[in-house]
Amino acid sequence: MKQFTYTITDPLGIHGRPAGDLVKLAKSFAGTKITISKDGKSTDLTRLIMLMGLGVKGGDTITITAQGNDEQAAVEKIESFLKENM
């Protein structure tokens, strides 16, 4: 299991197109279960509606956890995506 925390810098938080792109990226790691957590609530990162339901805003800290065959690559790519887009 690999995980990291990240503080959202985009004032709009996780929204619209970036959220869809993040879900698409998570789905590309089919053999790995990836979750996102905020304030004690978590969901599978491949579920867009559930991700949006977390209500992640700018300044919030999230935790990404990956478990499976490609967990190292998954956390590296997702962390890079977050730094570039959120």
Protein backbone atom coordinates (compact mmCIF):
# COMPACT_ATOMS: atom_id res chain seq x y z
CA MET A 1 0.00 0.00 0.00
CA LYS A 2 1.27 3.44 -0.93
CA GLN A 3 -0.22 6.77 0.06
CA PHE A 4 0.44 10.49 0.14
CA THR A 5 -1.28 13.66 1.29
CA TYR A 6 -1.78 16.76 -0.81
CA THR A 7 -3.24 20.19 -0.09
CA ILE A 8 -5.39 21.50 -2.95
CA THR A 9 -4.07 24.83 -4.21
CA ASP A 10 -6.78 25.57 -6.81
CA PRO A 11 -9.26 27.93 -5.13
CA LEU A 12 -12.14 26.05 -6.81
CA GLY A 13 -10.99 22.72 -5.37
CA ILE A 14 -11.66 19.49 -7.25
CA HIS A 15 -14.22 20.45 -9.88
CA GLY A 16 -15.54 19.64 -13.35
CA ARG A 17 -13.04 18.73 -16.01
CA PRO A 18 -10.03 18.17 -13.68
CA ALA A 19 -12.15 15.78 -11.60
CA GLY A 20 -13.09 13.84 -14.73
CA ASP A 21 -9.45 13.70 -15.80
CA LEU A 22 -8.43 12.51 -12.34
CA VAL A 23 -11.02 9.71 -12.45
CA LYS A 24 -9.85 8.72 -15.94
CA LEU A 25 -6.26 8.58 -14.69
CA ALA A 26 -7.28 6.41 -11.71
CA LYS A 27 -9.16 4.05 -14.04
CA SER A 28 -6.00 3.55 -16.10
CA PHE A 29 -4.56 1.54 -13.18
CA ALA A 30 -7.04 -1.32 -13.47
CA GLY A 31 -5.25 -3.72 -11.10
CA THR A 32 -4.94 -1.13 -8.34
CA LYS A 33 -7.59 0.10 -5.90
CA ILE A 34 -7.20 3.85 -5.44
CA THR A 35 -9.09 5.82 -2.81
CA ILE A 36 -9.30 9.48 -1.89
CA SER A 37 -10.00 10.62 1.67
CA LYS A 38 -10.91 13.97 3.21
CA ASP A 39 -12.00 14.67 6.79
CA GLY A 40 -12.60 11.00 7.61
CA LYS A 41 -14.67 10.33 4.48
CA SER A 42 -13.29 8.31 1.60
CA THR A 43 -14.34 6.96 -1.77
CA ASP A 44 -13.00 5.04 -4.72
CA LEU A 45 -11.20 7.51 -6.97
CA THR A 46 -12.79 5.94 -10.06
CA ARG A 47 -16.28 7.11 -9.06
CA LEU A 48 -16.79 10.69 -10.29
CA ILE A 49 -20.07 11.41 -8.49
CA MET A 50 -18.68 10.13 -5.18
CA LEU A 51 -15.50 12.18 -5.70
CA MET A 52 -17.55 15.32 -6.30
CA GLY A 53 -19.63 14.46 -3.24
CA LEU A 54 -16.56 14.82 -1.01
CA GLY A 55 -16.74 18.57 -1.69
CA VAL A 56 -12.98 19.12 -1.83
CA LYS A 57 -12.29 22.87 -1.82
CA GLY A 58 -9.14 24.93 -2.18
CA GLY A 59 -6.97 24.60 0.91
CA ASP A 60 -8.37 21.16 1.85
CA THR A 61 -5.92 18.34 2.47
CA ILE A 62 -6.65 14.98 0.86
CA THR A 63 -5.04 11.57 1.18
CA ILE A 64 -4.62 9.30 -1.82
CA THR A 65 -4.12 5.58 -1.13
CA ALA A 66 -3.26 2.96 -3.74
CA GLN A 67 -3.11 -0.78 -3.21
CA GLY A 68 -2.36 -3.32 -5.92
CA ASN A 69 -0.01 -4.24 -8.73
CA ASP A 70 0.72 -0.69 -9.94
CA GLU A 71 0.45 1.18 -6.63
CA GLN A 72 3.82 2.95 -6.91
CA ALA A 73 3.18 4.17 -10.45
CA ALA A 74 -0.37 5.17 -9.51
CA VAL A 75 0.63 7.41 -6.60
CA GLU A 76 3.44 8.98 -8.63
CA LYS A 77 1.18 9.82 -11.59
CA ILE A 78 -1.71 11.03 -9.44
CA GLU A 79 0.55 13.21 -7.30
CA SER A 80 2.08 14.70 -10.46
CA PHE A 81 -1.41 15.32 -11.89
CA LEU A 82 -2.54 17.08 -8.71
CA LYS A 83 0.56 19.31 -8.64
CA GLU A 84 0.03 20.32 -12.27
CA ASN A 85 -3.75 20.83 -12.15
CA MET A 86 -4.96 21.46 -8.62
